[in-house]
């Protein structure tokens, strides 16, 4: 049975410093700490940057996290508030899974 998840896609925001590696961006560690809380609470299945690091990353919440909950959590991210990152929440069908 397909599972619907509301994935959070992050991209560089207006305060992203071009030419600076992702993990050297001021404040990015706060982003990691913030989403680690969701992981510890059992709300996040997995997340991380795209390999090229310049194009952002994705967080995949556990099944059962609503679109509203995903948007609320993502919008309160310190890096979103600071303009380092922007986010988008998109419905995603996990059609193939265990």
C-alpha atoms as a PDB file:
ATOM      1  CA  UNK A   1       0.000   0.000   0.000  1.00  0.00           C
ATOM      2  CA  UNK A   2       1.480   3.390  -0.930  1.00  0.00           C
ATOM      3  CA  UNK A   3       2.391   5.610   2.002  1.00  0.00           C
ATOM      4  CA  UNK A   4       2.024   9.379   1.733  1.00  0.00           C
ATOM      5  CA  UNK A   5       4.626  11.518   3.427  1.00  0.00           C
ATOM      6  CA  UNK A   6       5.029  15.274   3.388  1.00  0.00           C
ATOM      7  CA  UNK A   7       8.691  15.777   2.556  1.00  0.00           C
ATOM      8  CA  UNK A   8      10.503  18.993   3.377  1.00  0.00           C
ATOM      9  CA  UNK A   9      12.815  20.264   0.675  1.00  0.00           C
ATOM     10  CA  UNK A  10      15.390  22.888   1.654  1.00  0.00           C
ATOM     11  CA  UNK A  11      17.186  25.213  -0.731  1.00  0.00           C
ATOM     12  CA  UNK A  12      19.642  28.043  -0.153  1.00  0.00           C
ATOM     13  CA  UNK A  13      17.862  31.186   0.984  1.00  0.00           C
ATOM     14  CA  UNK A  14      18.663  34.868   0.492  1.00  0.00           C
ATOM     15  CA  UNK A  15      21.321  34.840   3.244  1.00  0.00           C
ATOM     16  CA  UNK A  16      23.202  31.827   1.877  1.00  0.00           C
ATOM     17  CA  UNK A  17      26.830  32.767   1.211  1.00  0.00           C
ATOM     18  CA  UNK A  18      27.713  31.702  -2.329  1.00  0.00           C
ATOM     19  CA  UNK A  19      31.012  29.854  -2.581  1.00  0.00           C
ATOM     20  CA  UNK A  20      30.985  28.806   1.090  1.00  0.00           C
ATOM     21  CA  UNK A  21      30.595  25.045   1.686  1.00  0.00           C
ATOM     22  CA  UNK A  22      27.283  24.026   3.247  1.00  0.00           C
ATOM     23  CA  UNK A  23      28.692  22.944   6.595  1.00  0.00           C
ATOM     24  CA  UNK A  24      30.629  26.201   6.882  1.00  0.00           C
ATOM     25  CA  UNK A  25      27.508  28.349   6.424  1.00  0.00           C
ATOM     26  CA  UNK A  26      26.865  30.396   9.587  1.00  0.00           C
ATOM     27  CA  UNK A  27      24.007  28.797  11.496  1.00  0.00           C
ATOM     28  CA  UNK A  28      23.759  25.524   9.576  1.00  0.00           C
ATOM     29  CA  UNK A  29      24.628  23.515  12.691  1.00  0.00           C
ATOM     30  CA  UNK A  30      21.504  24.974  14.318  1.00  0.00           C
ATOM     31  CA  UNK A  31      19.500  23.461  11.453  1.00  0.00           C
ATOM     32  CA  UNK A  32      21.054  20.053  12.128  1.00  0.00           C
ATOM     33  CA  UNK A  33      20.355  20.330  15.868  1.00  0.00           C
ATOM     34  CA  UNK A  34      16.795  21.453  15.218  1.00  0.00           C
ATOM     35  CA  UNK A  35      15.922  18.498  12.986  1.00  0.00           C
ATOM     36  CA  UNK A  36      17.787  16.119  15.317  1.00  0.00           C
ATOM     37  CA  UNK A  37      15.083  16.903  17.870  1.00  0.00           C
ATOM     38  CA  UNK A  38      12.444  15.670  15.438  1.00  0.00           C
ATOM     39  CA  UNK A  39      14.502  12.536  14.776  1.00  0.00           C
ATOM     40  CA  UNK A  40      14.774  11.841  18.521  1.00  0.00           C
ATOM     41  CA  UNK A  41      11.011  12.356  18.896  1.00  0.00           C
ATOM     42  CA  UNK A  42      10.310   9.708  16.248  1.00  0.00           C
ATOM     43  CA  UNK A  43       8.908  12.213  13.736  1.00  0.00           C
ATOM     44  CA  UNK A  44      11.738  12.081  11.183  1.00  0.00           C
ATOM     45  CA  UNK A  45      12.651   9.007   9.154  1.00  0.00           C
ATOM     46  CA  UNK A  46      15.768  10.474   7.537  1.00  0.00           C
ATOM     47  CA  UNK A  47      17.213  13.664   6.147  1.00  0.00           C
ATOM     48  CA  UNK A  48      20.309  15.267   4.744  1.00  0.00           C
ATOM     49  CA  UNK A  49      21.872  17.390   2.043  1.00  0.00           C
ATOM     50  CA  UNK A  50      22.060  16.569  -1.617  1.00  0.00           C
ATOM     51  CA  UNK A  51      25.589  15.504  -2.514  1.00  0.00           C
ATOM     52  CA  UNK A  52      26.397  18.705  -4.406  1.00  0.00           C
ATOM     53  CA  UNK A  53      25.452  20.644  -1.215  1.00  0.00           C
ATOM     54  CA  UNK A  54      24.707  23.781  -3.219  1.00  0.00           C
ATOM     55  CA  UNK A  55      21.163  22.737  -4.019  1.00  0.00           C
ATOM     56  CA  UNK A  56      19.841  22.020  -0.527  1.00  0.00           C
ATOM     57  CA  UNK A  57      18.511  18.815   0.936  1.00  0.00           C
ATOM     58  CA  UNK A  58      15.462  16.836   1.975  1.00  0.00           C
ATOM     59  CA  UNK A  59      13.864  15.716   5.212  1.00  0.00           C
ATOM     60  CA  UNK A  60      11.537  12.710   5.069  1.00  0.00           C
ATOM     61  CA  UNK A  61       9.146  12.596   8.026  1.00  0.00           C
ATOM     62  CA  UNK A  62       7.738   9.370   9.374  1.00  0.00           C
ATOM     63  CA  UNK A  63       4.368   8.215   8.099  1.00  0.00           C
ATOM     64  CA  UNK A  64       1.567   9.939   9.995  1.00  0.00           C
ATOM     65  CA  UNK A  65       3.201  13.394  10.170  1.00  0.00           C
ATOM     66  CA  UNK A  66       0.597  15.711   8.673  1.00  0.00           C
ATOM     67  CA  UNK A  67       1.227  18.392   6.099  1.00  0.00           C
ATOM     68  CA  UNK A  68       0.397  21.061   8.701  1.00  0.00           C
ATOM     69  CA  UNK A  69       2.803  19.556  11.231  1.00  0.00           C
ATOM     70  CA  UNK A  70       5.586  19.381   8.625  1.00  0.00           C
ATOM     71  CA  UNK A  71       4.996  23.017   7.605  1.00  0.00           C
ATOM     72  CA  UNK A  72       4.836  24.226  11.210  1.00  0.00           C
ATOM     73  CA  UNK A  73       8.072  22.466  12.132  1.00  0.00           C
ATOM     74  CA  UNK A  74       9.904  23.555   8.980  1.00  0.00           C
ATOM     75  CA  UNK A  75       8.835  27.192   9.307  1.00  0.00           C
ATOM     76  CA  UNK A  76      10.163  27.379  12.889  1.00  0.00           C
ATOM     77  CA  UNK A  77      13.638  26.169  11.825  1.00  0.00           C
ATOM     78  CA  UNK A  78      16.196  28.815  12.920  1.00  0.00           C
ATOM     79  CA  UNK A  79      17.855  28.738   9.492  1.00  0.00           C
ATOM     80  CA  UNK A  80      14.540  29.412   7.768  1.00  0.00           C
ATOM     81  CA  UNK A  81      13.843  32.292  10.151  1.00  0.00           C
ATOM     82  CA  UNK A  82      17.320  33.729   9.485  1.00  0.00           C
ATOM     83  CA  UNK A  83      16.971  33.426   5.697  1.00  0.00           C
ATOM     84  CA  UNK A  84      19.833  30.953   5.344  1.00  0.00           C
ATOM     85  CA  UNK A  85      17.434  28.335   3.967  1.00  0.00           C
ATOM     86  CA  UNK A  86      14.000  28.326   2.395  1.00  0.00           C
ATOM     87  CA  UNK A  87      11.732  25.307   2.429  1.00  0.00           C
ATOM     88  CA  UNK A  88       8.893  23.693   0.552  1.00  0.00           C
ATOM     89  CA  UNK A  89       6.637  20.898   1.809  1.00  0.00           C
ATOM     90  CA  UNK A  90       5.498  18.484  -0.891  1.00  0.00           C
ATOM     91  CA  UNK A  91       3.337  15.380  -0.738  1.00  0.00           C
ATOM     92  CA  UNK A  92       5.334  12.336  -1.751  1.00  0.00           C
ATOM     93  CA  UNK A  93       4.067   8.830  -2.403  1.00  0.00           C
ATOM     94  CA  UNK A  94       6.366   6.120  -1.130  1.00  0.00           C
ATOM     95  CA  UNK A  95       5.044   3.556  -3.590  1.00  0.00           C
ATOM     96  CA  UNK A  96       7.889   1.093  -3.053  1.00  0.00           C
ATOM     97  CA  UNK A  97       8.839   0.379   0.541  1.00  0.00           C
ATOM     98  CA  UNK A  98       9.249  -2.416   3.068  1.00  0.00           C
END
